[in-house]
């Protein structure tokens, strides 16, 4: 059939379109791929694999088995629970061994210091079993209250605290301590008993190293002042330096007496004696000391 030369050829017009193939444009709001006649169209918003064999939206190809399904397996918790149980058993054993050793050590300290009762002993540090295996304890705290020291109960101690740094066990009945620090409080009442002060004399603080004695014996009544000094490695001297109008002969041994701190561990000596509102505060220390029963 002859063509009209004045009528544009549709195929020639489409190939000469200056905007290119309009079928490949996908402007916003378009309904899909506008390709040439007979070409498969794809809706807007879907990729070329949509409806394509094997694609997400189309039929699967031959032999396609699909994605494997993974079955969730319940995790076994018994190893974690067993670990917790083992840790609890170890901790319980550690604490039990700690308590037993503290009790045994309290008996040793009681014998070494000649105390009337067992003190409270606390072994610091965790774990304890490693210290026990090495027979070396880093820090040991000792405390006691309302104790009497000495074989005859010569001195009443209101409170006693001690810290032992670096305690090394040797055998069953002896130990050495790298650093020994202790502090004891002796009340004024206990001081009067230890010095044999008669009734009618009441002691109280009168400065850092002085004791005031309120004396009321028969018709005599006055205030005396005593000086407190350390007179030896384990001795404390109390001496009246001013008795007022009261003759020293009336006071007898109370005018000048010495008390002894009984059975200090080997290598431990008194470092200071001070007068407080509660009584005499005695501090002692030593290096490489020995504790033995």
C-alpha atoms as a PDB file:
ATOM      1  CA  UNK A   1       0.000   0.000   0.000  1.00  0.00           C
ATOM      2  CA  UNK A   2       1.395   3.408  -0.948  1.00  0.00           C
ATOM      3  CA  UNK A   3       1.944   5.889   1.820  1.00  0.00           C
ATOM      4  CA  UNK A   4       0.827   9.445   1.831  1.00  0.00           C
ATOM      5  CA  UNK A   5       3.979  11.622   1.678  1.00  0.00           C
ATOM      6  CA  UNK A   6       2.183  14.312   3.677  1.00  0.00           C
ATOM      7  CA  UNK A   7       1.312  11.906   6.524  1.00  0.00           C
ATOM      8  CA  UNK A   8       4.144  11.177   8.985  1.00  0.00           C
ATOM      9  CA  UNK A   9       5.261   7.599   9.265  1.00  0.00           C
ATOM     10  CA  UNK A  10       4.435   6.381  12.851  1.00  0.00           C
ATOM     11  CA  UNK A  11       7.509   4.174  13.105  1.00  0.00           C
ATOM     12  CA  UNK A  12       9.832   6.863  11.766  1.00  0.00           C
ATOM     13  CA  UNK A  13       8.247   9.426  14.081  1.00  0.00           C
ATOM     14  CA  UNK A  14       8.727   7.180  17.138  1.00  0.00           C
ATOM     15  CA  UNK A  15      12.384   6.487  16.339  1.00  0.00           C
ATOM     16  CA  UNK A  16      13.073  10.182  15.819  1.00  0.00           C
ATOM     17  CA  UNK A  17      11.436  11.276  19.102  1.00  0.00           C
ATOM     18  CA  UNK A  18      13.878  13.789  20.636  1.00  0.00           C
ATOM     19  CA  UNK A  19      12.747  12.799  24.160  1.00  0.00           C
ATOM     20  CA  UNK A  20      13.875   9.230  23.619  1.00  0.00           C
ATOM     21  CA  UNK A  21      11.774   6.139  24.177  1.00  0.00           C
ATOM     22  CA  UNK A  22       8.839   7.384  26.273  1.00  0.00           C
ATOM     23  CA  UNK A  23       8.014   3.830  27.197  1.00  0.00           C
ATOM     24  CA  UNK A  24      11.071   3.690  29.536  1.00  0.00           C
ATOM     25  CA  UNK A  25      10.155   6.854  31.456  1.00  0.00           C
ATOM     26  CA  UNK A  26       8.634   6.397  34.848  1.00  0.00           C
ATOM     27  CA  UNK A  27       7.581   9.827  36.006  1.00  0.00           C
ATOM     28  CA  UNK A  28       5.827  10.207  39.351  1.00  0.00           C
ATOM     29  CA  UNK A  29       2.178   9.304  38.966  1.00  0.00           C
ATOM     30  CA  UNK A  30       2.760   7.044  35.897  1.00  0.00           C
ATOM     31  CA  UNK A  31       0.894   3.782  35.826  1.00  0.00           C
ATOM     32  CA  UNK A  32       3.707   1.627  34.493  1.00  0.00           C
ATOM     33  CA  UNK A  33       6.176   0.880  31.794  1.00  0.00           C
ATOM     34  CA  UNK A  34       4.854   2.311  28.490  1.00  0.00           C
ATOM     35  CA  UNK A  35       6.955   0.320  26.038  1.00  0.00           C
ATOM     36  CA  UNK A  36       6.294  -0.365  22.384  1.00  0.00           C
ATOM     37  CA  UNK A  37       3.326  -2.430  21.411  1.00  0.00           C
ATOM     38  CA  UNK A  38       3.774  -6.075  22.276  1.00  0.00           C
ATOM     39  CA  UNK A  39       6.357  -5.437  24.970  1.00  0.00           C
ATOM     40  CA  UNK A  40       5.670  -6.795  28.486  1.00  0.00           C
ATOM     41  CA  UNK A  41       4.772  -4.079  30.924  1.00  0.00           C
ATOM     42  CA  UNK A  42       5.678  -3.894  34.620  1.00  0.00           C
ATOM     43  CA  UNK A  43       3.675  -1.987  37.217  1.00  0.00           C
ATOM     44  CA  UNK A  44       5.359   1.001  38.828  1.00  0.00           C
ATOM     45  CA  UNK A  45       7.109   0.244  42.120  1.00  0.00           C
ATOM     46  CA  UNK A  46       8.049  -3.305  41.217  1.00  0.00           C
ATOM     47  CA  UNK A  47      11.493  -4.344  40.092  1.00  0.00           C
ATOM     48  CA  UNK A  48      12.226  -6.340  37.031  1.00  0.00           C
ATOM     49  CA  UNK A  49      12.388  -9.443  39.136  1.00  0.00           C
ATOM     50  CA  UNK A  50       8.769  -8.917  40.244  1.00  0.00           C
ATOM     51  CA  UNK A  51       6.803 -11.481  38.246  1.00  0.00           C
ATOM     52  CA  UNK A  52      10.063 -12.842  36.875  1.00  0.00           C
ATOM     53  CA  UNK A  53      10.537 -16.566  37.305  1.00  0.00           C
ATOM     54  CA  UNK A  54      12.519 -17.015  40.459  1.00  0.00           C
ATOM     55  CA  UNK A  55      11.876 -13.438  41.587  1.00  0.00           C
ATOM     56  CA  UNK A  56      10.132 -12.549  44.846  1.00  0.00           C
ATOM     57  CA  UNK A  57       6.781 -11.996  43.227  1.00  0.00           C
ATOM     58  CA  UNK A  58       6.801 -14.522  40.418  1.00  0.00           C
ATOM     59  CA  UNK A  59       6.788 -18.245  39.981  1.00  0.00           C
ATOM     60  CA  UNK A  60       9.877 -20.156  41.064  1.00  0.00           C
ATOM     61  CA  UNK A  61      12.133 -21.684  38.494  1.00  0.00           C
ATOM     62  CA  UNK A  62      12.407 -25.403  37.973  1.00  0.00           C
ATOM     63  CA  UNK A  63      14.249 -27.210  40.757  1.00  0.00           C
ATOM     64  CA  UNK A  64      13.898 -24.297  43.207  1.00  0.00           C
ATOM     65  CA  UNK A  65      13.559 -25.661  46.721  1.00  0.00           C
ATOM     66  CA  UNK A  66      12.877 -22.393  48.528  1.00  0.00           C
ATOM     67  CA  UNK A  67      14.717 -20.980  51.538  1.00  0.00           C
ATOM     68  CA  UNK A  68      15.527 -23.546  54.195  1.00  0.00           C
ATOM     69  CA  UNK A  69      13.570 -23.261  57.425  1.00  0.00           C
ATOM     70  CA  UNK A  70      15.654 -23.161  60.573  1.00  0.00           C
ATOM     71  CA  UNK A  71      14.152 -24.687  63.655  1.00  0.00           C
ATOM     72  CA  UNK A  72      14.936 -22.855  66.875  1.00  0.00           C
ATOM     73  CA  UNK A  73      16.746 -25.029  69.300  1.00  0.00           C
ATOM     74  CA  UNK A  74      16.275 -24.539  72.985  1.00  0.00           C
ATOM     75  CA  UNK A  75      19.604 -23.669  74.553  1.00  0.00           C
ATOM     76  CA  UNK A  76      20.775 -25.924  77.270  1.00  0.00           C
ATOM     77  CA  UNK A  77      21.225 -23.997  80.478  1.00  0.00           C
ATOM     78  CA  UNK A  78      22.688 -26.718  82.643  1.00  0.00           C
ATOM     79  CA  UNK A  79      26.370 -25.714  82.120  1.00  0.00           C
ATOM     80  CA  UNK A  80      25.613 -22.184  83.374  1.00  0.00           C
ATOM     81  CA  UNK A  81      23.595 -23.467  86.334  1.00  0.00           C
ATOM     82  CA  UNK A  82      26.320 -25.961  87.190  1.00  0.00           C
ATOM     83  CA  UNK A  83      28.903 -23.178  87.181  1.00  0.00           C
ATOM     84  CA  UNK A  84      26.804 -21.150  89.620  1.00  0.00           C
ATOM     85  CA  UNK A  85      26.401 -24.157  91.916  1.00  0.00           C
ATOM     86  CA  UNK A  86      30.149 -24.810  91.885  1.00  0.00           C
ATOM     87  CA  UNK A  87      30.893 -21.177  92.713  1.00  0.00           C
ATOM     88  CA  UNK A  88      28.430 -21.219  95.601  1.00  0.00           C
ATOM     89  CA  UNK A  89      30.008 -24.379  96.981  1.00  0.00           C
ATOM     90  CA  UNK A  90      33.491 -22.860  96.752  1.00  0.00           C
ATOM     91  CA  UNK A  91      32.363 -19.654  98.451  1.00  0.00           C
ATOM     92  CA  UNK A  92      30.614 -21.588 101.210  1.00  0.00           C
ATOM     93  CA  UNK A  93      33.714 -23.705 101.749  1.00  0.00           C
ATOM     94  CA  UNK A  94      35.901 -20.615 101.794  1.00  0.00           C
ATOM     95  CA  UNK A  95      33.707 -18.929 104.438  1.00  0.00           C
ATOM     96  CA  UNK A  96      33.533 -22.098 106.558  1.00  0.00           C
ATOM     97  CA  UNK A  97      37.303 -22.456 106.533  1.00  0.00           C
ATOM     98  CA  UNK A  98      37.625 -18.772 107.371  1.00  0.00           C
ATOM     99  CA  UNK A  99      35.324 -19.067 110.393  1.00  0.00           C
ATOM    100  CA  UNK A 100      37.092 -22.175 111.687  1.00  0.00           C
ATOM    101  CA  UNK A 101      40.525 -20.594 111.377  1.00  0.00           C
ATOM    102  CA  UNK A 102      39.347 -17.409 113.099  1.00  0.00           C
ATOM    103  CA  UNK A 103      38.100 -19.476 116.059  1.00  0.00           C
ATOM    104  CA  UNK A 104      41.401 -21.325 116.312  1.00  0.00           C
ATOM    105  CA  UNK A 105      43.345 -18.086 116.054  1.00  0.00           C
ATOM    106  CA  UNK A 106      41.200 -16.499 118.776  1.00  0.00           C
ATOM    107  CA  UNK A 107      42.226 -19.284 121.155  1.00  0.00           C
ATOM    108  CA  UNK A 108      45.882 -18.713 120.278  1.00  0.00           C
ATOM    109  CA  UNK A 109      45.611 -14.950 120.862  1.00  0.00           C
ATOM    110  CA  UNK A 110      43.820 -15.528 124.176  1.00  0.00           C
ATOM    111  CA  UNK A 111      46.660 -17.730 125.367  1.00  0.00           C
ATOM    112  CA  UNK A 112      49.353 -15.425 124.032  1.00  0.00           C
ATOM    113  CA  UNK A 113      47.919 -12.277 125.687  1.00  0.00           C
ATOM    114  CA  UNK A 114      46.635 -14.074 128.812  1.00  0.00           C
ATOM    115  CA  UNK A 115      43.094 -12.767 128.321  1.00  0.00           C
ATOM    116  CA  UNK A 116      40.144 -13.976 130.397  1.00  0.00           C
ATOM    117  CA  UNK A 117      38.029 -14.710 127.308  1.00  0.00           C
ATOM    118  CA  UNK A 118      38.327 -15.301 123.594  1.00  0.00           C
ATOM    119  CA  UNK A 119      38.663 -12.129 121.540  1.00  0.00           C
ATOM    120  CA  UNK A 120      36.919 -11.504 118.243  1.00  0.00           C
ATOM    121  CA  UNK A 121      39.243 -12.339 115.345  1.00  0.00           C
ATOM    122  CA  UNK A 122      38.610 -11.308 111.751  1.00  0.00           C
ATOM    123  CA  UNK A 123      40.874 -12.422 108.919  1.00  0.00           C
ATOM    124  CA  UNK A 124      40.653  -9.964 106.067  1.00  0.00           C
ATOM    125  CA  UNK A 125      40.896 -10.795 102.369  1.00  0.00           C
ATOM    126  CA  UNK A 126      39.045 -12.965  99.863  1.00  0.00           C
ATOM    127  CA  UNK A 127      39.494 -15.681  98.884  1.00  0.00           C
ATOM    128  CA  UNK A 128      40.645 -17.098 102.203  1.00  0.00           C
ATOM    129  CA  UNK A 129      41.653 -20.565 101.030  1.00  0.00           C
ATOM    130  CA  UNK A 130      44.613 -19.212  99.075  1.00  0.00           C
ATOM    131  CA  UNK A 131      45.915 -17.530 102.234  1.00  0.00           C
ATOM    132  CA  UNK A 132      45.349 -20.700 104.234  1.00  0.00           C
ATOM    133  CA  UNK A 133      47.204 -22.799 101.683  1.00  0.00           C
ATOM    134  CA  UNK A 134      50.175 -20.421 101.862  1.00  0.00           C
ATOM    135  CA  UNK A 135      49.825 -20.147 105.676  1.00  0.00           C
ATOM    136  CA  UNK A 136      50.191 -16.398 105.278  1.00  0.00           C
ATOM    137  CA  UNK A 137      47.470 -13.923 106.233  1.00  0.00           C
ATOM    138  CA  UNK A 138      47.660 -10.366 104.990  1.00  0.00           C
ATOM    139  CA  UNK A 139      45.625  -8.616 107.709  1.00  0.00           C
ATOM    140  CA  UNK A 140      44.130  -9.904 110.953  1.00  0.00           C
ATOM    141  CA  UNK A 141      41.930  -7.721 113.196  1.00  0.00           C
ATOM    142  CA  UNK A 142      41.489  -8.513 116.894  1.00  0.00           C
ATOM    143  CA  UNK A 143      38.987  -6.901 119.253  1.00  0.00           C
ATOM    144  CA  UNK A 144      37.861  -7.570 122.800  1.00  0.00           C
ATOM    145  CA  UNK A 145      35.938  -5.794 125.535  1.00  0.00           C
ATOM    146  CA  UNK A 146      35.630  -6.089 129.306  1.00  0.00           C
ATOM    147  CA  UNK A 147      38.632  -8.373 129.576  1.00  0.00           C
ATOM    148  CA  UNK A 148      41.121  -8.944 132.360  1.00  0.00           C
ATOM    149  CA  UNK A 149      44.750  -9.486 131.476  1.00  0.00           C
ATOM    150  CA  UNK A 150      47.300 -11.453 133.472  1.00  0.00           C
ATOM    151  CA  UNK A 151      47.192 -14.809 135.218  1.00  0.00           C
ATOM    152  CA  UNK A 152      45.620 -13.295 138.311  1.00  0.00           C
ATOM    153  CA  UNK A 153      43.418 -10.797 136.504  1.00  0.00           C
ATOM    154  CA  UNK A 154      45.612  -7.896 137.562  1.00  0.00           C
ATOM    155  CA  UNK A 155      44.344  -5.396 135.001  1.00  0.00           C
ATOM    156  CA  UNK A 156      40.841  -4.848 133.687  1.00  0.00           C
ATOM    157  CA  UNK A 157      40.708  -3.750 130.045  1.00  0.00           C
ATOM    158  CA  UNK A 158      37.559  -2.015 128.869  1.00  0.00           C
ATOM    159  CA  UNK A 159      38.413  -2.386 125.178  1.00  0.00           C
ATOM    160  CA  UNK A 160      41.251  -3.852 123.175  1.00  0.00           C
ATOM    161  CA  UNK A 161      41.910  -3.586 119.447  1.00  0.00           C
ATOM    162  CA  UNK A 162      44.859  -4.918 117.505  1.00  0.00           C
ATOM    163  CA  UNK A 163      45.804  -5.171 113.845  1.00  0.00           C
ATOM    164  CA  UNK A 164      48.320  -7.709 112.610  1.00  0.00           C
ATOM    165  CA  UNK A 165      49.847  -7.145 109.186  1.00  0.00           C
ATOM    166  CA  UNK A 166      51.612 -10.114 107.615  1.00  0.00           C
ATOM    167  CA  UNK A 167      50.883 -13.048 109.911  1.00  0.00           C
ATOM    168  CA  UNK A 168      52.829 -16.226 109.114  1.00  0.00           C
ATOM    169  CA  UNK A 169      51.840 -19.534 110.691  1.00  0.00           C
ATOM    170  CA  UNK A 170      54.591 -21.879 111.858  1.00  0.00           C
ATOM    171  CA  UNK A 171      53.383 -25.233 113.072  1.00  0.00           C
ATOM    172  CA  UNK A 172      50.247 -25.472 115.199  1.00  0.00           C
ATOM    173  CA  UNK A 173      51.118 -23.224 118.147  1.00  0.00           C
ATOM    174  CA  UNK A 174      53.292 -20.389 116.884  1.00  0.00           C
ATOM    175  CA  UNK A 175      53.173 -17.544 114.412  1.00  0.00           C
ATOM    176  CA  UNK A 176      55.214 -14.491 113.507  1.00  0.00           C
ATOM    177  CA  UNK A 177      53.798 -11.072 112.660  1.00  0.00           C
ATOM    178  CA  UNK A 178      55.517  -8.521 110.467  1.00  0.00           C
ATOM    179  CA  UNK A 179      53.761  -5.525 112.052  1.00  0.00           C
ATOM    180  CA  UNK A 180      51.764  -5.561 115.288  1.00  0.00           C
ATOM    181  CA  UNK A 181      49.700  -2.507 116.365  1.00  0.00           C
ATOM    182  CA  UNK A 182      47.458  -2.504 119.431  1.00  0.00           C
ATOM    183  CA  UNK A 183      45.470  -0.089 121.574  1.00  0.00           C
ATOM    184  CA  UNK A 184      43.871  -0.681 124.984  1.00  0.00           C
ATOM    185  CA  UNK A 185      41.644   1.406 127.237  1.00  0.00           C
ATOM    186  CA  UNK A 186      41.905   1.118 131.027  1.00  0.00           C
ATOM    187  CA  UNK A 187      39.174   2.956 132.885  1.00  0.00           C
ATOM    188  CA  UNK A 188      39.922   5.104 135.940  1.00  0.00           C
ATOM    189  CA  UNK A 189      38.069   2.595 138.094  1.00  0.00           C
ATOM    190  CA  UNK A 190      40.271  -0.219 136.807  1.00  0.00           C
ATOM    191  CA  UNK A 191      43.343   1.954 137.294  1.00  0.00           C
ATOM    192  CA  UNK A 192      42.388   2.566 140.933  1.00  0.00           C
ATOM    193  CA  UNK A 193      41.892  -1.175 141.501  1.00  0.00           C
ATOM    194  CA  UNK A 194      45.241  -2.026 139.908  1.00  0.00           C
ATOM    195  CA  UNK A 195      47.002   0.618 142.061  1.00  0.00           C
ATOM    196  CA  UNK A 196      45.294  -0.372 145.302  1.00  0.00           C
ATOM    197  CA  UNK A 197      43.741   3.072 145.773  1.00  0.00           C
ATOM    198  CA  UNK A 198      41.461   3.034 148.843  1.00  0.00           C
ATOM    199  CA  UNK A 199      37.827   4.022 148.820  1.00  0.00           C
ATOM    200  CA  UNK A 200      37.163   7.725 149.046  1.00  0.00           C
ATOM    201  CA  UNK A 201      39.461   8.591 146.122  1.00  0.00           C
ATOM    202  CA  UNK A 202      37.926   9.190 142.690  1.00  0.00           C
ATOM    203  CA  UNK A 203      40.134   9.518 139.622  1.00  0.00           C
ATOM    204  CA  UNK A 204      39.406  11.576 136.514  1.00  0.00           C
ATOM    205  CA  UNK A 205      41.245  13.225 133.615  1.00  0.00           C
ATOM    206  CA  UNK A 206      43.320  16.353 134.225  1.00  0.00           C
ATOM    207  CA  UNK A 207      45.232  16.777 130.976  1.00  0.00           C
ATOM    208  CA  UNK A 208      47.009  14.552 128.447  1.00  0.00           C
ATOM    209  CA  UNK A 209      49.285  12.919 131.044  1.00  0.00           C
ATOM    210  CA  UNK A 210      47.754  13.830 134.395  1.00  0.00           C
ATOM    211  CA  UNK A 211      45.082  12.321 136.593  1.00  0.00           C
ATOM    212  CA  UNK A 212      43.036  14.273 139.116  1.00  0.00           C
ATOM    213  CA  UNK A 213      42.184  12.566 142.386  1.00  0.00           C
ATOM    214  CA  UNK A 214      39.239  13.865 144.416  1.00  0.00           C
ATOM    215  CA  UNK A 215      40.056  12.785 147.944  1.00  0.00           C
ATOM    216  CA  UNK A 216      37.511  12.448 150.706  1.00  0.00           C
ATOM    217  CA  UNK A 217      38.918  10.375 153.556  1.00  0.00           C
ATOM    218  CA  UNK A 218      37.402  11.005 156.953  1.00  0.00           C
ATOM    219  CA  UNK A 219      37.650  14.674 157.797  1.00  0.00           C
ATOM    220  CA  UNK A 220      40.152  15.230 154.977  1.00  0.00           C
ATOM    221  CA  UNK A 221      38.879  16.491 151.667  1.00  0.00           C
ATOM    222  CA  UNK A 222      40.926  17.951 148.841  1.00  0.00           C
ATOM    223  CA  UNK A 223      42.062  17.423 145.256  1.00  0.00           C
ATOM    224  CA  UNK A 224      45.365  15.886 144.282  1.00  0.00           C
ATOM    225  CA  UNK A 225      47.092  15.665 140.906  1.00  0.00           C
ATOM    226  CA  UNK A 226      49.070  12.630 139.730  1.00  0.00           C
ATOM    227  CA  UNK A 227      51.528  12.370 136.891  1.00  0.00           C
ATOM    228  CA  UNK A 228      51.214   9.372 134.503  1.00  0.00           C
ATOM    229  CA  UNK A 229      54.400   8.194 132.804  1.00  0.00           C
ATOM    230  CA  UNK A 230      55.763   5.087 131.157  1.00  0.00           C
ATOM    231  CA  UNK A 231      58.416   3.632 133.395  1.00  0.00           C
ATOM    232  CA  UNK A 232      59.423   0.504 131.499  1.00  0.00           C
ATOM    233  CA  UNK A 233      58.787  -1.667 128.447  1.00  0.00           C
ATOM    234  CA  UNK A 234      55.443  -2.782 129.899  1.00  0.00           C
ATOM    235  CA  UNK A 235      54.978  -0.587 132.968  1.00  0.00           C
ATOM    236  CA  UNK A 236      53.039   2.589 133.757  1.00  0.00           C
ATOM    237  CA  UNK A 237      53.747   4.759 136.787  1.00  0.00           C
ATOM    238  CA  UNK A 238      51.186   6.966 138.542  1.00  0.00           C
ATOM    239  CA  UNK A 239      52.682   9.425 141.070  1.00  0.00           C
ATOM    240  CA  UNK A 240      51.008  12.167 143.119  1.00  0.00           C
ATOM    241  CA  UNK A 241      52.783  15.469 142.456  1.00  0.00           C
ATOM    242  CA  UNK A 242      50.363  17.725 144.319  1.00  0.00           C
ATOM    243  CA  UNK A 243      48.203  16.537 147.202  1.00  0.00           C
ATOM    244  CA  UNK A 244      47.077  19.917 148.482  1.00  0.00           C
ATOM    245  CA  UNK A 245      46.621  19.895 152.260  1.00  0.00           C
ATOM    246  CA  UNK A 246      46.467  16.103 152.468  1.00  0.00           C
ATOM    247  CA  UNK A 247      49.674  14.436 153.710  1.00  0.00           C
ATOM    248  CA  UNK A 248      51.066  11.818 151.332  1.00  0.00           C
ATOM    249  CA  UNK A 249      51.362   9.410 154.251  1.00  0.00           C
ATOM    250  CA  UNK A 250      47.582   9.297 154.441  1.00  0.00           C
ATOM    251  CA  UNK A 251      47.380   8.119 150.845  1.00  0.00           C
ATOM    252  CA  UNK A 252      49.833   5.300 151.397  1.00  0.00           C
ATOM    253  CA  UNK A 253      50.696   3.326 148.245  1.00  0.00           C
ATOM    254  CA  UNK A 254      48.217   5.368 146.236  1.00  0.00           C
ATOM    255  CA  UNK A 255      50.648   8.273 146.239  1.00  0.00           C
ATOM    256  CA  UNK A 256      53.050   6.388 143.948  1.00  0.00           C
ATOM    257  CA  UNK A 257      52.244   3.086 142.255  1.00  0.00           C
ATOM    258  CA  UNK A 258      53.133   1.181 139.082  1.00  0.00           C
ATOM    259  CA  UNK A 259      50.959  -1.113 137.006  1.00  0.00           C
ATOM    260  CA  UNK A 260      52.283  -3.672 134.575  1.00  0.00           C
ATOM    261  CA  UNK A 261      50.802  -4.589 131.239  1.00  0.00           C
ATOM    262  CA  UNK A 262      50.899  -8.384 131.453  1.00  0.00           C
ATOM    263  CA  UNK A 263      52.472 -10.687 128.926  1.00  0.00           C
ATOM    264  CA  UNK A 264      53.021  -8.590 125.851  1.00  0.00           C
ATOM    265  CA  UNK A 265      54.004 -10.647 122.798  1.00  0.00           C
ATOM    266  CA  UNK A 266      57.723 -10.960 122.154  1.00  0.00           C
ATOM    267  CA  UNK A 267      58.938  -7.913 120.285  1.00  0.00           C
ATOM    268  CA  UNK A 268      55.959  -5.722 121.326  1.00  0.00           C
ATOM    269  CA  UNK A 269      56.437  -2.725 123.616  1.00  0.00           C
ATOM    270  CA  UNK A 270      54.362   0.212 124.830  1.00  0.00           C
ATOM    271  CA  UNK A 271      54.707   3.229 122.591  1.00  0.00           C
ATOM    272  CA  UNK A 272      52.544   5.816 124.355  1.00  0.00           C
ATOM    273  CA  UNK A 273      50.282   6.351 127.347  1.00  0.00           C
ATOM    274  CA  UNK A 274      47.727   9.161 127.331  1.00  0.00           C
ATOM    275  CA  UNK A 275      44.934  10.250 129.641  1.00  0.00           C
ATOM    276  CA  UNK A 276      41.494  10.568 128.055  1.00  0.00           C
ATOM    277  CA  UNK A 277      38.062  11.293 129.477  1.00  0.00           C
ATOM    278  CA  UNK A 278      37.393   7.537 129.645  1.00  0.00           C
ATOM    279  CA  UNK A 279      40.699   6.504 131.208  1.00  0.00           C
ATOM    280  CA  UNK A 280      44.220   5.569 130.147  1.00  0.00           C
ATOM    281  CA  UNK A 281      44.778   4.911 126.447  1.00  0.00           C
ATOM    282  CA  UNK A 282      47.766   2.618 125.943  1.00  0.00           C
ATOM    283  CA  UNK A 283      49.223   1.955 122.495  1.00  0.00           C
ATOM    284  CA  UNK A 284      51.785  -0.716 121.691  1.00  0.00           C
ATOM    285  CA  UNK A 285      53.510  -1.911 118.555  1.00  0.00           C
ATOM    286  CA  UNK A 286      56.239  -4.227 117.387  1.00  0.00           C
ATOM    287  CA  UNK A 287      58.014  -5.618 114.327  1.00  0.00           C
ATOM    288  CA  UNK A 288      58.634  -9.311 113.653  1.00  0.00           C
ATOM    289  CA  UNK A 289      56.763 -10.302 116.791  1.00  0.00           C
ATOM    290  CA  UNK A 290      56.002 -13.839 117.898  1.00  0.00           C
ATOM    291  CA  UNK A 291      52.686 -15.272 119.054  1.00  0.00           C
ATOM    292  CA  UNK A 292      52.792 -18.630 120.791  1.00  0.00           C
ATOM    293  CA  UNK A 293      50.692 -20.678 123.176  1.00  0.00           C
END
